[in-house]
Amino acid sequence: MLTQAALFVLDTVLSLFVLIVLLRFYLQTLRAPFRNPVSQFVAALTDFAIKPLRRLVPGLWGLDMASLLLAWFAELLLLLGEFWLGAMPFLPPGGAAYGALAALAAVRLLRVSIYILIGAVFLQAILSWVNPHSPVAPMLHSLTRPFLAPVQKLVPLVANVDLSPLVVFFLCQLALMLPVAWLETLAVRLF
């Protein structure tokens, strides 16, 4: 019972931290406006770890590699914690197992990234009906524009209703079912 509680706390805290740090990475990568409550909240929650790490990890091609590395490391810590607490099968000895854990952490980051996109598209669709001039609307537009814009060119409006969010949801679910699940299975087989 104590192990289950420890797993719950570890999973909740580290999963939320990975989500927030990865969201920071995407907000900076996609040049989302900083002057909104969500961006400032994300920055305030992650500055304690990102700012010192930026001194050690430089950016690459305009990407904030410190944020991405921190998200990956937190996901790796979560996986190691799950192994040590017994939620997953016994970790075999050797460097190959830790390499497999590193690969699995990267695949899980990909999965969380797709969930961030799904959430951003969903929130943007809801806000477009309820409050299209919300302070978070420009941030959500920045996050979803690279994915919705190509689909909007292909899918016409139906009675002035934009169906591109439904197509993006469908493609995201398909990506989670096929390539991401395949990569996750491949990383687990490395054990």
N, C-alpha and C. Protein backbone atom coordinates (compact mmCIF):
# COMPACT_ATOMS: atom_id res chain seq x y z
N MET A 1 0.82 -1.19 0.00
CA MET A 1 0.00 0.00 0.00
C MET A 1 0.87 1.26 0.00
N LEU A 2 1.97 1.24 0.73
CA LEU A 2 2.88 2.37 0.77
C LEU A 2 3.57 2.53 -0.59
N THR A 3 3.85 1.42 -1.25
CA THR A 3 4.47 1.47 -2.57
C THR A 3 3.53 2.11 -3.58
N GLN A 4 2.25 1.77 -3.51
CA GLN A 4 1.28 2.36 -4.42
C GLN A 4 1.16 3.87 -4.20
N ALA A 5 1.20 4.30 -2.95
CA ALA A 5 1.14 5.73 -2.64
C ALA A 5 2.38 6.44 -3.17
N ALA A 6 3.54 5.82 -2.99
CA ALA A 6 4.78 6.41 -3.49
C ALA A 6 4.77 6.50 -5.02
N LEU A 7 4.25 5.45 -5.68
CA LEU A 7 4.14 5.47 -7.14
C LEU A 7 3.18 6.57 -7.59
N PHE A 8 2.07 6.73 -6.88
CA PHE A 8 1.11 7.77 -7.23
C PHE A 8 1.73 9.15 -7.12
N VAL A 9 2.43 9.42 -6.03
CA VAL A 9 3.06 10.72 -5.83
C VAL A 9 4.14 10.96 -6.88
N LEU A 10 4.98 9.97 -7.11
CA LEU A 10 6.05 10.09 -8.10
C LEU A 10 5.49 10.33 -9.49
N ASP A 11 4.49 9.55 -9.87
CA ASP A 11 3.90 9.67 -11.19
C ASP A 11 3.21 11.03 -11.37
N THR A 12 2.48 11.46 -10.37
CA THR A 12 1.77 12.74 -10.46
C THR A 12 2.73 13.91 -10.56
N VAL A 13 3.69 13.96 -9.67
CA VAL A 13 4.61 15.10 -9.63
C VAL A 13 5.48 15.15 -10.88
N LEU A 14 6.11 14.03 -11.22
CA LEU A 14 7.01 14.05 -12.37
C LEU A 14 6.26 14.16 -13.70
N SER A 15 5.10 13.55 -13.82
CA SER A 15 4.33 13.68 -15.06
C SER A 15 3.89 15.12 -15.29
N LEU A 16 3.44 15.79 -14.24
CA LEU A 16 3.05 17.20 -14.37
C LEU A 16 4.26 18.07 -14.68
N PHE A 17 5.39 17.75 -14.07
CA PHE A 17 6.60 18.52 -14.34
C PHE A 17 7.04 18.34 -15.80
N VAL A 18 7.00 17.11 -16.30
CA VAL A 18 7.35 16.85 -17.70
C VAL A 18 6.41 17.62 -18.61
N LEU A 19 5.13 17.60 -18.32
CA LEU A 19 4.14 18.31 -19.13
C LEU A 19 4.43 19.81 -19.17
N ILE A 20 4.71 20.41 -18.03
CA ILE A 20 4.96 21.85 -17.95
C ILE A 20 6.26 22.21 -18.67
N VAL A 21 7.31 21.44 -18.47
CA VAL A 21 8.60 21.75 -19.11
C VAL A 21 8.50 21.56 -20.62
N LEU A 22 7.82 20.51 -21.05
CA LEU A 22 7.65 20.29 -22.49
C LEU A 22 6.77 21.38 -23.11
N LEU A 23 5.77 21.83 -22.38
CA LEU A 23 4.95 22.94 -22.86
C LEU A 23 5.79 24.20 -23.00
N ARG A 24 6.69 24.43 -22.07
CA ARG A 24 7.59 25.58 -22.18
C ARG A 24 8.46 25.47 -23.43
N PHE A 25 8.97 24.27 -23.69
CA PHE A 25 9.78 24.06 -24.88
C PHE A 25 9.00 24.41 -26.14
N TYR A 26 7.76 23.93 -26.25
CA TYR A 26 6.96 24.19 -27.44
C TYR A 26 6.52 25.66 -27.54
N LEU A 27 6.24 26.28 -26.42
CA LEU A 27 5.88 27.70 -26.46
C LEU A 27 7.03 28.54 -26.98
N GLN A 28 8.25 28.19 -26.57
CA GLN A 28 9.41 28.93 -27.04
C GLN A 28 9.75 28.58 -28.48
N THR A 29 9.63 27.32 -28.84
CA THR A 29 9.95 26.88 -30.20
C THR A 29 9.01 27.50 -31.22
N LEU A 30 7.73 27.56 -30.90
CA LEU A 30 6.73 28.07 -31.83
C LEU A 30 6.50 29.58 -31.66
N ARG A 31 7.35 30.21 -30.85
CA ARG A 31 7.30 31.67 -30.66
C ARG A 31 5.92 32.16 -30.21
N ALA A 32 5.36 31.47 -29.26
CA ALA A 32 4.06 31.88 -28.72
C ALA A 32 4.24 33.17 -27.92
N PRO A 33 3.24 34.04 -27.93
CA PRO A 33 3.36 35.28 -27.16
C PRO A 33 3.50 35.00 -25.67
N PHE A 34 4.40 35.75 -25.05
CA PHE A 34 4.68 35.52 -23.63
C PHE A 34 3.70 36.26 -22.73
N ARG A 35 3.07 37.29 -23.22
CA ARG A 35 2.19 38.12 -22.39
C ARG A 35 0.79 37.53 -22.28
N ASN A 36 0.71 36.35 -21.67
CA ASN A 36 -0.58 35.76 -21.34
C ASN A 36 -0.40 34.96 -20.05
N PRO A 37 -1.47 34.69 -19.34
CA PRO A 37 -1.35 34.04 -18.03
C PRO A 37 -0.72 32.65 -18.08
N VAL A 38 -1.01 31.88 -19.11
CA VAL A 38 -0.49 30.51 -19.16
C VAL A 38 1.01 30.51 -19.39
N SER A 39 1.50 31.30 -20.33
CA SER A 39 2.93 31.36 -20.60
C SER A 39 3.71 31.84 -19.38
N GLN A 40 3.19 32.83 -18.70
CA GLN A 40 3.86 33.34 -17.51
C GLN A 40 3.83 32.32 -16.37
N PHE A 41 2.74 31.59 -16.26
CA PHE A 41 2.64 30.53 -15.24
C PHE A 41 3.66 29.42 -15.52
N VAL A 42 3.75 29.01 -16.78
CA VAL A 42 4.71 27.96 -17.16
C VAL A 42 6.14 28.42 -16.89
N ALA A 43 6.44 29.66 -17.26
CA ALA A 43 7.79 30.18 -17.03
C ALA A 43 8.10 30.27 -15.53
N ALA A 44 7.13 30.73 -14.74
CA ALA A 44 7.35 30.86 -13.30
C ALA A 44 7.58 29.50 -12.64
N LEU A 45 6.87 28.47 -13.12
CA LEU A 45 7.03 27.13 -12.52
C LEU A 45 8.36 26.46 -12.90
N THR A 46 8.91 26.81 -14.04
CA THR A 46 10.07 26.08 -14.52
C THR A 46 11.37 26.87 -14.50
N ASP A 47 11.31 28.16 -14.20
CA ASP A 47 12.53 28.98 -14.19
C ASP A 47 13.59 28.46 -13.23
N PHE A 48 13.17 27.91 -12.09
CA PHE A 48 14.14 27.45 -11.10
C PHE A 48 15.08 26.39 -11.65
N ALA A 49 14.61 25.60 -12.61
CA ALA A 49 15.45 24.54 -13.17
C ALA A 49 16.03 24.90 -14.53
N ILE A 50 15.28 25.64 -15.32
CA ILE A 50 15.70 25.93 -16.70
C ILE A 50 16.83 26.95 -16.73
N LYS A 51 16.72 28.02 -15.97
CA LYS A 51 17.73 29.08 -16.03
C LYS A 51 19.13 28.59 -15.68
N PRO A 52 19.32 27.83 -14.59
CA PRO A 52 20.68 27.32 -14.33
C PRO A 52 21.14 26.30 -15.38
N LEU A 53 20.21 25.51 -15.90
CA LEU A 53 20.58 24.50 -16.88
C LEU A 53 21.00 25.12 -18.21
N ARG A 54 20.46 26.30 -18.52
CA ARG A 54 20.83 26.98 -19.77
C ARG A 54 22.30 27.39 -19.78
N ARG A 55 22.88 27.55 -18.61
CA ARG A 55 24.31 27.87 -18.55
C ARG A 55 25.16 26.69 -19.00
N LEU A 56 24.62 25.48 -18.82
CA LEU A 56 25.37 24.27 -19.19
C LEU A 56 24.98 23.71 -20.55
N VAL A 57 23.71 23.87 -20.92
CA VAL A 57 23.19 23.31 -22.16
C VAL A 57 22.82 24.45 -23.10
N PRO A 58 23.60 24.65 -24.15
CA PRO A 58 23.28 25.75 -25.07
C PRO A 58 22.10 25.40 -25.97
N GLY A 59 21.51 26.42 -26.53
CA GLY A 59 20.44 26.21 -27.50
C GLY A 59 21.02 25.67 -28.80
N LEU A 60 20.18 25.06 -29.60
CA LEU A 60 20.63 24.48 -30.86
C LEU A 60 19.59 24.79 -31.92
N TRP A 61 19.99 25.48 -33.00
CA TRP A 61 19.10 25.84 -34.10
C TRP A 61 17.88 26.62 -33.61
N GLY A 62 18.06 27.45 -32.61
CA GLY A 62 16.96 28.24 -32.09
C GLY A 62 16.04 27.48 -31.15
N LEU A 63 16.41 26.27 -30.78
CA LEU A 63 15.60 25.46 -29.87
C LEU A 63 16.17 25.55 -28.46
N ASP A 64 15.30 25.57 -27.48
CA ASP A 64 15.71 25.59 -26.08
C ASP A 64 16.02 24.16 -25.64
N MET A 65 17.24 23.75 -25.87
CA MET A 65 17.62 22.37 -25.57
C MET A 65 17.63 22.09 -24.07
N ALA A 66 17.79 23.12 -23.25
CA ALA A 66 17.76 22.91 -21.80
C ALA A 66 16.39 22.42 -21.36
N SER A 67 15.34 23.00 -21.91
CA SER A 67 13.98 22.57 -21.56
C SER A 67 13.71 21.15 -22.03
N LEU A 68 14.12 20.85 -23.25
CA LEU A 68 13.90 19.51 -23.79
C LEU A 68 14.69 18.47 -23.00
N LEU A 69 15.93 18.78 -22.69
CA LEU A 69 16.75 17.84 -21.92
C LEU A 69 16.19 17.63 -20.51
N LEU A 70 15.69 18.71 -19.91
CA LEU A 70 15.10 18.57 -18.57
C LEU A 70 13.83 17.72 -18.60
N ALA A 71 13.01 17.90 -19.63
CA ALA A 71 11.79 17.08 -19.75
C ALA A 71 12.17 15.61 -19.93
N TRP A 72 13.17 15.35 -20.77
CA TRP A 72 13.61 13.96 -20.99
C TRP A 72 14.17 13.37 -19.71
N PHE A 73 14.97 14.14 -18.99
CA PHE A 73 15.58 13.65 -17.76
C PHE A 73 14.51 13.36 -16.70
N ALA A 74 13.51 14.24 -16.60
CA ALA A 74 12.42 14.00 -15.64
C ALA A 74 11.64 12.74 -16.01
N GLU A 75 11.42 12.52 -17.31
CA GLU A 75 10.73 11.30 -17.75
C GLU A 75 11.58 10.07 -17.45
N LEU A 76 12.89 10.19 -17.62
CA LEU A 76 13.80 9.09 -17.29
C LEU A 76 13.78 8.80 -15.79
N LEU A 77 13.76 9.85 -14.97
CA LEU A 77 13.64 9.66 -13.51
C LEU A 77 12.33 8.97 -13.14
N LEU A 78 11.26 9.32 -13.83
CA LEU A 78 9.97 8.68 -13.58
C LEU A 78 10.05 7.19 -13.90
N LEU A 79 10.65 6.85 -15.02
CA LEU A 79 10.79 5.43 -15.39
C LEU A 79 11.67 4.68 -14.39
N LEU A 80 12.78 5.29 -14.00
CA LEU A 80 13.65 4.65 -13.01
C LEU A 80 12.92 4.47 -11.67
N GLY A 81 12.16 5.47 -11.27
CA GLY A 81 11.39 5.36 -10.04
C GLY A 81 10.36 4.25 -10.11
N GLU A 82 9.71 4.10 -11.27
CA GLU A 82 8.73 3.02 -11.43
C GLU A 82 9.41 1.65 -11.34
N PHE A 83 10.60 1.54 -11.91
CA PHE A 83 11.33 0.28 -11.81
C PHE A 83 11.75 0.00 -10.39
N TRP A 84 12.29 1.01 -9.71
CA TRP A 84 12.77 0.80 -8.35
C TRP A 84 11.64 0.52 -7.37
N LEU A 85 10.47 1.08 -7.62
CA LEU A 85 9.34 0.83 -6.73
C LEU A 85 8.55 -0.41 -7.11
N GLY A 86 8.95 -1.06 -8.18
CA GLY A 86 8.34 -2.34 -8.54
C GLY A 86 7.11 -2.26 -9.40
N ALA A 87 6.81 -1.12 -10.00
CA ALA A 87 5.63 -1.03 -10.84
C ALA A 87 5.87 -1.68 -12.20
N MET A 88 7.11 -1.83 -12.56
CA MET A 88 7.47 -2.46 -13.83
C MET A 88 8.31 -3.69 -13.53
N PRO A 89 8.49 -4.55 -14.52
CA PRO A 89 9.32 -5.73 -14.29
C PRO A 89 10.73 -5.35 -13.86
N PHE A 90 11.42 -6.30 -13.32
CA PHE A 90 12.78 -6.09 -12.83
C PHE A 90 13.69 -5.61 -13.95
N LEU A 91 14.49 -4.59 -13.66
CA LEU A 91 15.41 -4.03 -14.64
C LEU A 91 16.64 -4.92 -14.72
N PRO A 92 16.91 -5.52 -15.87
CA PRO A 92 18.09 -6.38 -15.99
C PRO A 92 19.36 -5.55 -15.88
N PRO A 93 20.43 -6.16 -15.39
CA PRO A 93 21.68 -5.41 -15.24
C PRO A 93 22.30 -5.13 -16.61
N GLY A 94 23.12 -4.12 -16.64
CA GLY A 94 23.84 -3.80 -17.87
C GLY A 94 23.46 -2.47 -18.44
N GLY A 95 24.35 -1.95 -19.27
CA GLY A 95 24.14 -0.64 -19.87
C GLY A 95 23.04 -0.64 -20.92
N ALA A 96 22.77 -1.80 -21.54
CA ALA A 96 21.74 -1.86 -22.57
C ALA A 96 20.36 -1.55 -21.98
N ALA A 97 20.12 -1.96 -20.74
CA ALA A 97 18.83 -1.70 -20.11
C ALA A 97 18.65 -0.20 -19.87
N TYR A 98 19.71 0.47 -19.49
CA TYR A 98 19.60 1.91 -19.27
C TYR A 98 19.46 2.65 -20.60
N GLY A 99 20.07 2.13 -21.64
CA GLY A 99 19.87 2.69 -22.98
C GLY A 99 18.42 2.53 -23.42
N ALA A 100 17.85 1.37 -23.12
CA ALA A 100 16.45 1.14 -23.46
C ALA A 100 15.54 2.07 -22.67
N LEU A 101 15.88 2.31 -21.39
CA LEU A 101 15.11 3.26 -20.59
C LEU A 101 15.20 4.67 -21.17
N ALA A 102 16.37 5.05 -21.64
CA ALA A 102 16.55 6.37 -22.24
C ALA A 102 15.70 6.49 -23.51
N ALA A 103 15.68 5.43 -24.31
CA ALA A 103 14.86 5.44 -25.53
C ALA A 103 13.37 5.48 -25.18
N LEU A 104 12.97 4.72 -24.17
CA LEU A 104 11.57 4.72 -23.75
C LEU A 104 11.16 6.09 -23.23
N ALA A 105 12.06 6.78 -22.53
CA ALA A 105 11.76 8.13 -22.05
C ALA A 105 11.55 9.08 -23.22
N ALA A 106 12.34 8.93 -24.28
CA ALA A 106 12.17 9.78 -25.46
C ALA A 106 10.85 9.50 -26.15
N VAL A 107 10.45 8.23 -26.23
CA VAL A 107 9.17 7.89 -26.85
C VAL A 107 8.01 8.43 -26.02
N ARG A 108 8.14 8.36 -24.71
CA ARG A 108 7.09 8.92 -23.86
C ARG A 108 6.98 10.43 -24.00
N LEU A 109 8.10 11.10 -24.24
CA LEU A 109 8.05 12.54 -24.51
C LEU A 109 7.29 12.81 -25.80
N LEU A 110 7.48 11.96 -26.78
CA LEU A 110 6.73 12.10 -28.03
C LEU A 110 5.24 11.93 -27.78
N ARG A 111 4.89 10.97 -26.95
CA ARG A 111 3.48 10.75 -26.62
C ARG A 111 2.88 11.96 -25.88
N VAL A 112 3.62 12.50 -24.92
CA VAL A 112 3.14 13.68 -24.19
C VAL A 112 3.01 14.87 -25.14
N SER A 113 3.92 14.97 -26.10
CA SER A 113 3.85 16.05 -27.09
C SER A 113 2.56 15.98 -27.89
N ILE A 114 2.18 14.78 -28.27
CA ILE A 114 0.93 14.61 -29.03
C ILE A 114 -0.27 14.95 -28.15
N TYR A 115 -0.21 14.58 -26.89
CA TYR A 115 -1.31 14.94 -25.98
C TYR A 115 -1.38 16.45 -25.76
N ILE A 116 -0.25 17.13 -25.75
CA ILE A 116 -0.26 18.59 -25.64
C ILE A 116 -0.95 19.19 -26.86
N LEU A 117 -0.65 18.66 -28.04
CA LEU A 117 -1.30 19.15 -29.26
C LEU A 117 -2.80 18.90 -29.21
N ILE A 118 -3.20 17.72 -28.79
CA ILE A 118 -4.63 17.41 -28.70
C ILE A 118 -5.32 18.38 -27.73
N GLY A 119 -4.71 18.61 -26.58
CA GLY A 119 -5.30 19.54 -25.61
C GLY A 119 -5.37 20.96 -26.13
N ALA A 120 -4.31 21.41 -26.82
CA ALA A 120 -4.31 22.77 -27.35
C ALA A 120 -5.37 22.95 -28.44
N VAL A 121 -5.52 21.95 -29.31
CA VAL A 121 -6.53 22.04 -30.37
C VAL A 121 -7.93 22.03 -29.74
N PHE A 122 -8.13 21.19 -28.76
CA PHE A 122 -9.43 21.12 -28.08
C PHE A 122 -9.77 22.44 -27.41
N LEU A 123 -8.82 22.99 -26.65
CA LEU A 123 -9.07 24.27 -25.97
C LEU A 123 -9.30 25.40 -26.97
N GLN A 124 -8.55 25.39 -28.06
CA GLN A 124 -8.74 26.43 -29.06
C GLN A 124 -10.12 26.33 -29.71
N ALA A 125 -10.57 25.12 -29.98
CA ALA A 125 -11.90 24.94 -30.57
C ALA A 125 -12.99 25.42 -29.61
N ILE A 126 -12.88 25.07 -28.35
CA ILE A 126 -13.87 25.50 -27.35
C ILE A 126 -13.84 27.02 -27.20
N LEU A 127 -12.65 27.60 -27.08
CA LEU A 127 -12.55 29.05 -26.93
C LEU A 127 -13.05 29.80 -28.16
N SER A 128 -12.91 29.20 -29.34
CA SER A 128 -13.40 29.88 -30.54
C SER A 128 -14.93 30.03 -30.52
N TRP A 129 -15.61 29.15 -29.81
CA TRP A 129 -17.06 29.24 -29.68
C TRP A 129 -17.46 30.15 -28.53
N VAL A 130 -16.75 30.03 -27.41
CA VAL A 130 -17.15 30.70 -26.18
C VAL A 130 -16.57 32.11 -26.08
N ASN A 131 -15.25 32.23 -26.23
CA ASN A 131 -14.57 33.52 -26.06
C ASN A 131 -13.38 33.58 -27.01
N PRO A 132 -13.60 33.93 -28.28
CA PRO A 132 -12.51 33.92 -29.25
C PRO A 132 -11.43 34.97 -28.98
N HIS A 133 -11.70 35.96 -28.16
CA HIS A 133 -10.72 37.01 -27.87
C HIS A 133 -10.12 36.84 -26.47
N SER A 134 -10.04 35.62 -26.02
CA SER A 134 -9.46 35.32 -24.71
C SER A 134 -7.96 35.65 -24.73
N PRO A 135 -7.37 35.97 -23.57
CA PRO A 135 -5.94 36.27 -23.53
C PRO A 135 -5.06 35.06 -23.92
N VAL A 136 -5.59 33.85 -23.79
CA VAL A 136 -4.80 32.68 -24.17
C VAL A 136 -4.99 32.27 -25.62
N ALA A 137 -5.90 32.89 -26.33
CA ALA A 137 -6.15 32.52 -27.72
C ALA A 137 -4.92 32.66 -28.61
N PRO A 138 -4.13 33.76 -28.51
CA PRO A 138 -2.94 33.85 -29.36
C PRO A 138 -1.91 32.75 -29.06
N MET A 139 -1.79 32.38 -27.78
CA MET A 139 -0.86 31.31 -27.43
C MET A 139 -1.31 29.98 -28.03
N LEU A 140 -2.59 29.68 -27.90
CA LEU A 140 -3.11 28.43 -28.47
C LEU A 140 -3.00 28.44 -29.99
N HIS A 141 -3.23 29.59 -30.59
CA HIS A 141 -3.08 29.70 -32.04
C HIS A 141 -1.64 29.41 -32.46
N SER A 142 -0.68 29.92 -31.70
CA SER A 142 0.73 29.66 -32.01
C SER A 142 1.07 28.18 -31.89
N LEU A 143 0.50 27.51 -30.90
CA LEU A 143 0.78 26.09 -30.71
C LEU A 143 0.15 25.21 -31.78
N THR A 144 -1.03 25.61 -32.26
CA THR A 144 -1.77 24.74 -33.19
C THR A 144 -1.62 25.11 -34.66
N ARG A 145 -1.19 26.33 -34.95
CA ARG A 145 -1.11 26.79 -36.33
C ARG A 145 -0.29 25.86 -37.24
N PRO A 146 0.89 25.37 -36.82
CA PRO A 146 1.65 24.50 -37.73
C PRO A 146 0.93 23.20 -38.10
N PHE A 147 -0.03 22.79 -37.29
CA PHE A 147 -0.74 21.54 -37.55
C PHE A 147 -2.10 21.76 -38.20
N LEU A 148 -2.78 22.84 -37.80
CA LEU A 148 -4.10 23.10 -38.35
C LEU A 148 -4.05 23.75 -39.74
N ALA A 149 -3.07 24.61 -39.98
CA ALA A 149 -3.02 25.35 -41.25
C ALA A 149 -2.94 24.43 -42.47
N PRO A 150 -2.07 23.40 -42.49
CA PRO A 150 -2.06 22.52 -43.67
C PRO A 150 -3.37 21.76 -43.86
N VAL A 151 -3.99 21.37 -42.75
CA VAL A 151 -5.25 20.64 -42.84
C VAL A 151 -6.36 21.56 -43.32
N GLN A 152 -6.34 22.82 -42.89
CA GLN A 152 -7.37 23.77 -43.32
C GLN A 152 -7.30 24.04 -44.82
N LYS A 153 -6.11 23.90 -45.40
CA LYS A 153 -5.98 24.06 -46.85
C LYS A 153 -6.62 22.90 -47.60
N LEU A 154 -6.62 21.72 -46.98
CA LEU A 154 -7.14 20.52 -47.64
C LEU A 154 -8.62 20.27 -47.36
N VAL A 155 -9.08 20.63 -46.16
CA VAL A 155 -10.45 20.34 -45.76
C VAL A 155 -11.28 21.62 -45.86
N PRO A 156 -12.28 21.65 -46.73
CA PRO A 156 -13.08 22.87 -46.87
C PRO A 156 -14.03 23.07 -45.68
N LEU A 157 -14.48 24.29 -45.51
CA LEU A 157 -15.48 24.58 -44.49
C LEU A 157 -16.79 23.91 -44.88
N VAL A 158 -17.48 23.38 -43.89
CA VAL A 158 -18.79 22.78 -44.12
C VAL A 158 -19.79 23.63 -43.36
N ALA A 159 -20.61 24.36 -44.09
CA ALA A 159 -21.60 25.28 -43.51
C ALA A 159 -20.92 26.25 -42.54
N ASN A 160 -19.78 26.79 -42.96
CA ASN A 160 -18.96 27.72 -42.17
C ASN A 160 -18.43 27.12 -40.88
N VAL A 161 -18.29 25.81 -40.82
CA VAL A 161 -17.72 25.14 -39.67
C VAL A 161 -16.39 24.54 -40.10
N ASP A 162 -15.34 24.84 -39.34
CA ASP A 162 -14.00 24.34 -39.62
C ASP A 162 -13.86 22.95 -39.03
N LEU A 163 -13.68 21.96 -39.88
CA LEU A 163 -13.54 20.57 -39.44
C LEU A 163 -12.08 20.15 -39.25
N SER A 164 -11.16 21.07 -39.46
CA SER A 164 -9.74 20.70 -39.34
C SER A 164 -9.36 20.20 -37.95
N PRO A 165 -9.93 20.72 -36.84
CA PRO A 165 -9.59 20.13 -35.54
C PRO A 165 -9.94 18.64 -35.45
N LEU A 166 -11.07 18.24 -36.05
CA LEU A 166 -11.43 16.82 -36.03
C LEU A 166 -10.42 15.98 -36.80
N VAL A 167 -9.94 16.51 -37.92
CA VAL A 167 -8.94 15.78 -38.70
C VAL A 167 -7.63 15.67 -37.92
N VAL A 168 -7.25 16.75 -37.25
CA VAL A 168 -6.02 16.71 -36.44
C VAL A 168 -6.17 15.73 -35.29
N PHE A 169 -7.35 15.70 -34.63
CA PHE A 169 -7.59 14.71 -33.57
C PHE A 169 -7.43 13.30 -34.12
N PHE A 170 -8.02 13.05 -35.28
CA PHE A 170 -7.95 11.74 -35.90
C PHE A 170 -6.49 11.37 -36.19
N LEU A 171 -5.74 12.29 -36.76
CA LEU A 171 -4.33 12.01 -37.10
C LEU A 171 -3.48 11.81 -35.84
N CYS A 172 -3.77 12.57 -34.79
CA CYS A 172 -3.04 12.41 -33.53
C CYS A 172 -3.32 11.04 -32.91
N GLN A 173 -4.58 10.64 -32.91
CA GLN A 173 -4.92 9.32 -32.37
C GLN A 173 -4.27 8.21 -33.18
N LEU A 174 -4.25 8.38 -34.49
CA LEU A 174 -3.60 7.41 -35.37
C LEU A 174 -2.11 7.35 -35.08
N ALA A 175 -1.49 8.51 -34.87
CA ALA A 175 -0.06 8.55 -34.54
C ALA A 175 0.22 7.87 -33.21
N LEU A 176 -0.68 8.04 -32.23
CA LEU A 176 -0.50 7.38 -30.94
C LEU A 176 -0.64 5.87 -31.07
N MET A 177 -1.56 5.41 -31.94
CA MET A 177 -1.81 3.98 -32.08
C MET A 177 -0.73 3.26 -32.88
N LEU A 178 -0.22 3.91 -33.92
CA LEU A 178 0.71 3.20 -34.81
C LEU A 178 2.18 3.51 -34.52
N PRO A 179 2.73 4.63 -34.94
CA PRO A 179 4.18 4.79 -34.77
C PRO A 179 4.62 4.91 -33.32
N VAL A 180 3.87 5.64 -32.49
CA VAL A 180 4.30 5.81 -31.10
C VAL A 180 4.20 4.49 -30.34
N ALA A 181 3.13 3.77 -30.53
CA ALA A 181 2.99 2.46 -29.86
C ALA A 181 4.06 1.49 -30.36
N TRP A 182 4.36 1.55 -31.66
CA TRP A 182 5.40 0.68 -32.21
C TRP A 182 6.77 1.03 -31.61
N LEU A 183 7.08 2.32 -31.50
CA LEU A 183 8.35 2.74 -30.92
C LEU A 183 8.44 2.35 -29.44
N GLU A 184 7.32 2.47 -28.75
CA GLU A 184 7.30 2.09 -27.33
C GLU A 184 7.54 0.58 -27.17
N THR A 185 6.90 -0.21 -28.02
CA THR A 185 7.11 -1.66 -27.99
C THR A 185 8.55 -2.00 -28.31
N LEU A 186 9.11 -1.32 -29.29
CA LEU A 186 10.50 -1.55 -29.68
C LEU A 186 11.46 -1.20 -28.53
N ALA A 187 11.20 -0.09 -27.84
CA ALA A 187 12.05 0.29 -26.72
C ALA A 187 11.93 -0.69 -25.56
N VAL A 188 10.72 -1.22 -25.31
CA VAL A 188 10.54 -2.19 -24.24
C VAL A 188 11.23 -3.51 -24.58
N ARG A 189 11.24 -3.88 -25.85
CA ARG A 189 11.90 -5.13 -26.27
C ARG A 189 13.41 -5.08 -26.08
N LEU A 190 13.97 -3.88 -25.99
CA LEU A 190 15.41 -3.75 -25.81
C LEU A 190 15.84 -4.26 -24.42
N PHE A 191 14.88 -4.39 -23.51
CA PHE A 191 15.20 -4.90 -22.19
C PHE A 191 15.53 -6.35 -22.33
